[in-house]
Amino acid sequence: MTGKALRIAGIAFFAALCLFGQAAAYNWYAPNSFDEVKTTSPDYQLVYQLCRDGKAPGYTADFFSRSLSRYELAGIMKSILDHEKALTDEEKEQVLAVAKRYERELEALGYKKKEKRRPPRLSITHDARVRVNDGGDADARVRIGGTWHIGKDTDIEGRGNASLS
């Protein structure tokens, strides 16, 4: 091949890679949000049971008179998760397990997991002051402190300051 032919072949290969490379990056095994959920699915059965028990505000068992997509089922789960205080511990555990499988749909619906907020492992406090007197004299002070939270009841604290006159 000549140099020109190699260049054209390279450009054609690059163009094909750009066009078809995205298709190769798609996860063919990822569930589609609009796939129908089988009525025999344990996820479907759990959500249906909770609706029958009145634990999904805004939904009744009549909503299940037709087939549901993953997205619709996730919408009902979001309602259940938003009112999780009505659930028993066992039901909450089951719903959270199902929610992991529907995480993408729940995220699209605006649901965010409630995570316990831990105190920071290390917190640093500081302040600084500069004073200038009428006579042109100046002084400065810097204070810094830190707290390292090691355990539930164990902290290490340190403080320091520096003054300039």
C-alpha atoms as a PDB file:
ATOM      1  CA  MET A   1       0.000   0.000   0.000  1.00  0.00           C
ATOM      2  CA  THR A   2       1.113   3.500  -0.658  1.00  0.00           C
ATOM      3  CA  GLY A   3       1.276   6.216   1.942  1.00  0.00           C
ATOM      4  CA  LYS A   4      -1.943   7.798   0.691  1.00  0.00           C
ATOM      5  CA  ALA A   5      -3.814   4.478   0.788  1.00  0.00           C
ATOM      6  CA  LEU A   6      -2.573   3.821   4.337  1.00  0.00           C
ATOM      7  CA  ARG A   7      -3.740   7.257   5.405  1.00  0.00           C
ATOM      8  CA  ILE A   8      -7.219   6.692   3.916  1.00  0.00           C
ATOM      9  CA  ALA A   9      -7.443   3.249   5.526  1.00  0.00           C
ATOM     10  CA  GLY A  10      -6.416   4.735   8.882  1.00  0.00           C
ATOM     11  CA  ILE A  11      -9.030   7.480   8.630  1.00  0.00           C
ATOM     12  CA  ALA A  12     -11.705   4.934   7.657  1.00  0.00           C
ATOM     13  CA  PHE A  13     -10.751   2.715  10.597  1.00  0.00           C
ATOM     14  CA  PHE A  14     -10.846   5.690  12.982  1.00  0.00           C
ATOM     15  CA  ALA A  15     -14.267   6.776  11.644  1.00  0.00           C
ATOM     16  CA  ALA A  16     -15.644   3.232  12.042  1.00  0.00           C
ATOM     17  CA  LEU A  17     -14.261   3.077  15.581  1.00  0.00           C
ATOM     18  CA  CYS A  18     -15.944   6.379  16.457  1.00  0.00           C
ATOM     19  CA  LEU A  19     -19.277   5.289  14.972  1.00  0.00           C
ATOM     20  CA  PHE A  20     -19.420   1.755  16.337  1.00  0.00           C
ATOM     21  CA  GLY A  21     -17.264   2.084  19.451  1.00  0.00           C
ATOM     22  CA  GLN A  22     -20.176   3.453  21.485  1.00  0.00           C
ATOM     23  CA  ALA A  23     -22.314   0.455  20.586  1.00  0.00           C
ATOM     24  CA  ALA A  24     -19.593  -1.857  21.851  1.00  0.00           C
ATOM     25  CA  ALA A  25     -19.481   0.031  25.162  1.00  0.00           C
ATOM     26  CA  TYR A  26     -23.170  -0.679  25.905  1.00  0.00           C
ATOM     27  CA  ASN A  27     -23.816  -3.279  28.570  1.00  0.00           C
ATOM     28  CA  TRP A  28     -26.161  -5.722  26.852  1.00  0.00           C
ATOM     29  CA  TYR A  29     -26.896  -7.444  30.150  1.00  0.00           C
ATOM     30  CA  ALA A  30     -28.085  -4.298  31.953  1.00  0.00           C
ATOM     31  CA  PRO A  31     -31.841  -4.402  32.541  1.00  0.00           C
ATOM     32  CA  ASN A  32     -33.908  -1.962  30.521  1.00  0.00           C
ATOM     33  CA  SER A  33     -36.011   0.371  32.660  1.00  0.00           C
ATOM     34  CA  PHE A  34     -39.018  -0.233  30.435  1.00  0.00           C
ATOM     35  CA  ASP A  35     -38.878  -4.024  30.455  1.00  0.00           C
ATOM     36  CA  GLU A  36     -41.978  -5.661  31.846  1.00  0.00           C
ATOM     37  CA  VAL A  37     -41.646  -7.167  35.331  1.00  0.00           C
ATOM     38  CA  LYS A  38     -43.145 -10.641  35.510  1.00  0.00           C
ATOM     39  CA  THR A  39     -45.947 -11.041  38.011  1.00  0.00           C
ATOM     40  CA  THR A  40     -44.159 -14.133  39.348  1.00  0.00           C
ATOM     41  CA  SER A  41     -41.051 -12.089  40.196  1.00  0.00           C
ATOM     42  CA  PRO A  42     -40.300 -11.893  43.947  1.00  0.00           C
ATOM     43  CA  ASP A  43     -39.756  -8.133  43.546  1.00  0.00           C
ATOM     44  CA  TYR A  44     -43.211  -7.731  42.032  1.00  0.00           C
ATOM     45  CA  GLN A  45     -44.774  -9.925  44.711  1.00  0.00           C
ATOM     46  CA  LEU A  46     -43.165  -7.946  47.549  1.00  0.00           C
ATOM     47  CA  VAL A  47     -44.255  -4.568  46.206  1.00  0.00           C
ATOM     48  CA  TYR A  48     -47.754  -5.904  45.484  1.00  0.00           C
ATOM     49  CA  GLN A  49     -48.062  -7.248  49.034  1.00  0.00           C
ATOM     50  CA  LEU A  50     -46.930  -3.934  50.544  1.00  0.00           C
ATOM     51  CA  CYS A  51     -49.463  -2.068  48.391  1.00  0.00           C
ATOM     52  CA  ARG A  52     -52.217  -4.418  49.543  1.00  0.00           C
ATOM     53  CA  ASP A  53     -51.169  -3.719  53.130  1.00  0.00           C
ATOM     54  CA  GLY A  54     -51.419   0.047  52.493  1.00  0.00           C
ATOM     55  CA  LYS A  55     -47.706   0.762  52.907  1.00  0.00           C
ATOM     56  CA  ALA A  56     -47.314   2.543  49.551  1.00  0.00           C
ATOM     57  CA  PRO A  57     -49.109   5.896  49.862  1.00  0.00           C
ATOM     58  CA  GLY A  58     -50.794   6.852  46.599  1.00  0.00           C
ATOM     59  CA  TYR A  59     -50.997   3.284  45.301  1.00  0.00           C
ATOM     60  CA  THR A  60     -53.516   0.508  45.775  1.00  0.00           C
ATOM     61  CA  ALA A  61     -53.603  -3.125  44.702  1.00  0.00           C
ATOM     62  CA  ASP A  62     -55.804  -2.008  41.748  1.00  0.00           C
ATOM     63  CA  PHE A  63     -52.686  -0.441  40.192  1.00  0.00           C
ATOM     64  CA  PHE A  64     -51.438  -3.976  39.561  1.00  0.00           C
ATOM     65  CA  SER A  65     -54.367  -4.856  37.259  1.00  0.00           C
ATOM     66  CA  ARG A  66     -52.009  -4.339  34.308  1.00  0.00           C
ATOM     67  CA  SER A  67     -48.406  -5.257  33.624  1.00  0.00           C
ATOM     68  CA  LEU A  68     -45.765  -2.964  35.105  1.00  0.00           C
ATOM     69  CA  SER A  69     -42.369  -1.888  33.831  1.00  0.00           C
ATOM     70  CA  ARG A  70     -39.258  -1.768  36.015  1.00  0.00           C
ATOM     71  CA  TYR A  71     -39.615   2.029  36.089  1.00  0.00           C
ATOM     72  CA  GLU A  72     -43.233   1.863  37.311  1.00  0.00           C
ATOM     73  CA  LEU A  73     -42.341  -0.710  39.956  1.00  0.00           C
ATOM     74  CA  ALA A  74     -39.472   1.552  41.066  1.00  0.00           C
ATOM     75  CA  GLY A  75     -41.963   4.441  41.367  1.00  0.00           C
ATOM     76  CA  ILE A  76     -44.032   2.397  43.812  1.00  0.00           C
ATOM     77  CA  MET A  77     -40.860   1.376  45.688  1.00  0.00           C
ATOM     78  CA  LYS A  78     -39.872   5.052  45.957  1.00  0.00           C
ATOM     79  CA  SER A  79     -43.210   5.773  47.601  1.00  0.00           C
ATOM     80  CA  ILE A  80     -42.635   2.882  50.008  1.00  0.00           C
ATOM     81  CA  LEU A  81     -39.067   3.989  50.775  1.00  0.00           C
ATOM     82  CA  ASP A  82     -40.144   7.606  51.326  1.00  0.00           C
ATOM     83  CA  HIS A  83     -42.546   6.343  54.017  1.00  0.00           C
ATOM     84  CA  GLU A  84     -40.358   3.573  55.433  1.00  0.00           C
ATOM     85  CA  LYS A  85     -41.440   4.249  59.021  1.00  0.00           C
ATOM     86  CA  ALA A  86     -44.592   2.232  58.293  1.00  0.00           C
ATOM     87  CA  LEU A  87     -42.490  -0.862  57.524  1.00  0.00           C
ATOM     88  CA  THR A  88     -41.442  -3.555  59.932  1.00  0.00           C
ATOM     89  CA  ASP A  89     -37.732  -4.311  60.205  1.00  0.00           C
ATOM     90  CA  GLU A  90     -38.121  -7.432  58.069  1.00  0.00           C
ATOM     91  CA  GLU A  91     -40.068  -5.558  55.368  1.00  0.00           C
ATOM     92  CA  LYS A  92     -37.517  -2.744  55.375  1.00  0.00           C
ATOM     93  CA  GLU A  93     -34.702  -5.246  54.891  1.00  0.00           C
ATOM     94  CA  GLN A  94     -36.547  -6.875  51.969  1.00  0.00           C
ATOM     95  CA  VAL A  95     -37.349  -3.522  50.332  1.00  0.00           C
ATOM     96  CA  LEU A  96     -33.741  -2.342  50.620  1.00  0.00           C
ATOM     97  CA  ALA A  97     -32.553  -5.580  48.986  1.00  0.00           C
ATOM     98  CA  VAL A  98     -34.949  -5.014  46.084  1.00  0.00           C
ATOM     99  CA  ALA A  99     -33.955  -1.331  45.911  1.00  0.00           C
ATOM    100  CA  LYS A 100     -30.365  -2.372  45.134  1.00  0.00           C
ATOM    101  CA  ARG A 101     -31.599  -4.116  41.980  1.00  0.00           C
ATOM    102  CA  TYR A 102     -33.636  -1.047  40.968  1.00  0.00           C
ATOM    103  CA  GLU A 103     -31.012   1.531  41.919  1.00  0.00           C
ATOM    104  CA  ARG A 104     -30.782   3.105  38.453  1.00  0.00           C
ATOM    105  CA  GLU A 105     -34.552   3.577  38.175  1.00  0.00           C
ATOM    106  CA  LEU A 106     -34.838   4.921  41.729  1.00  0.00           C
ATOM    107  CA  GLU A 107     -32.057   7.402  41.036  1.00  0.00           C
ATOM    108  CA  ALA A 108     -33.883   8.560  37.891  1.00  0.00           C
ATOM    109  CA  LEU A 109     -36.982   9.114  40.050  1.00  0.00           C
ATOM    110  CA  GLY A 110     -34.988  11.301  42.457  1.00  0.00           C
ATOM    111  CA  TYR A 111     -34.647   8.866  45.356  1.00  0.00           C
ATOM    112  CA  LYS A 112     -31.496   9.189  47.433  1.00  0.00           C
ATOM    113  CA  LYS A 113     -30.444   6.698  50.055  1.00  0.00           C
ATOM    114  CA  LYS A 114     -30.514   8.050  53.576  1.00  0.00           C
ATOM    115  CA  GLU A 115     -27.060   7.502  54.925  1.00  0.00           C
ATOM    116  CA  LYS A 116     -26.153   8.015  58.526  1.00  0.00           C
ATOM    117  CA  ARG A 117     -23.979  11.046  58.853  1.00  0.00           C
ATOM    118  CA  ARG A 118     -20.792  10.240  60.691  1.00  0.00           C
ATOM    119  CA  PRO A 119     -18.845  12.874  62.532  1.00  0.00           C
ATOM    120  CA  PRO A 120     -15.675  13.906  60.749  1.00  0.00           C
ATOM    121  CA  ARG A 121     -12.601  11.886  61.590  1.00  0.00           C
ATOM    122  CA  LEU A 122     -10.526  15.042  61.859  1.00  0.00           C
ATOM    123  CA  SER A 123     -11.887  18.528  62.464  1.00  0.00           C
ATOM    124  CA  ILE A 124      -9.729  21.636  62.353  1.00  0.00           C
ATOM    125  CA  THR A 125     -10.669  25.036  63.763  1.00  0.00           C
ATOM    126  CA  HIS A 126      -8.748  28.253  63.302  1.00  0.00           C
ATOM    127  CA  ASP A 127      -8.923  32.012  63.531  1.00  0.00           C
ATOM    128  CA  ALA A 128      -6.595  34.917  62.827  1.00  0.00           C
ATOM    129  CA  ARG A 129      -6.517  38.557  63.910  1.00  0.00           C
ATOM    130  CA  VAL A 130      -4.440  41.544  62.861  1.00  0.00           C
ATOM    131  CA  ARG A 131      -4.646  44.843  64.784  1.00  0.00           C
ATOM    132  CA  VAL A 132      -3.176  48.150  63.770  1.00  0.00           C
ATOM    133  CA  ASN A 133      -3.031  50.922  66.398  1.00  0.00           C
ATOM    134  CA  ASP A 134      -3.286  54.652  65.776  1.00  0.00           C
ATOM    135  CA  GLY A 135       0.433  55.006  66.325  1.00  0.00           C
ATOM    136  CA  GLY A 136       1.217  52.602  63.461  1.00  0.00           C
ATOM    137  CA  ASP A 137       2.034  49.673  65.738  1.00  0.00           C
ATOM    138  CA  ALA A 138       0.592  46.327  64.679  1.00  0.00           C
ATOM    139  CA  ASP A 139       0.212  42.940  66.203  1.00  0.00           C
ATOM    140  CA  ALA A 140      -1.189  39.668  64.939  1.00  0.00           C
ATOM    141  CA  ARG A 141      -2.418  36.435  66.403  1.00  0.00           C
ATOM    142  CA  VAL A 142      -3.162  33.072  64.828  1.00  0.00           C
ATOM    143  CA  ARG A 143      -4.867  30.214  66.669  1.00  0.00           C
ATOM    144  CA  ILE A 144      -5.390  26.719  65.366  1.00  0.00           C
ATOM    145  CA  GLY A 145      -6.920  23.634  66.907  1.00  0.00           C
ATOM    146  CA  GLY A 146      -7.626  20.119  65.844  1.00  0.00           C
ATOM    147  CA  THR A 147      -9.650  17.182  67.063  1.00  0.00           C
ATOM    148  CA  TRP A 148      -9.071  13.630  65.896  1.00  0.00           C
ATOM    149  CA  HIS A 149     -12.083  11.397  66.558  1.00  0.00           C
ATOM    150  CA  ILE A 150     -10.657   7.920  67.147  1.00  0.00           C
ATOM    151  CA  GLY A 151     -13.649   6.046  68.498  1.00  0.00           C
ATOM    152  CA  LYS A 152     -17.098   6.531  69.918  1.00  0.00           C
ATOM    153  CA  ASP A 153     -15.862   8.140  73.143  1.00  0.00           C
ATOM    154  CA  THR A 154     -12.211   8.820  72.306  1.00  0.00           C
ATOM    155  CA  ASP A 155     -10.867  12.087  70.903  1.00  0.00           C
ATOM    156  CA  ILE A 156      -7.408  13.577  70.721  1.00  0.00           C
ATOM    157  CA  GLU A 157      -7.340  17.361  70.796  1.00  0.00           C
ATOM    158  CA  GLY A 158      -4.556  19.807  70.146  1.00  0.00           C
ATOM    159  CA  ARG A 159      -4.449  23.582  70.249  1.00  0.00           C
ATOM    160  CA  GLY A 160      -1.813  26.141  69.454  1.00  0.00           C
ATOM    161  CA  ASN A 161      -1.363  29.848  68.907  1.00  0.00           C
ATOM    162  CA  ALA A 162       1.252  32.286  67.738  1.00  0.00           C
ATOM    163  CA  SER A 163       1.423  36.018  68.370  1.00  0.00           C
ATOM    164  CA  LEU A 164       3.474  38.659  66.617  1.00  0.00           C
ATOM    165  CA  SER A 165       4.030  42.086  68.077  1.00  0.00           C
END
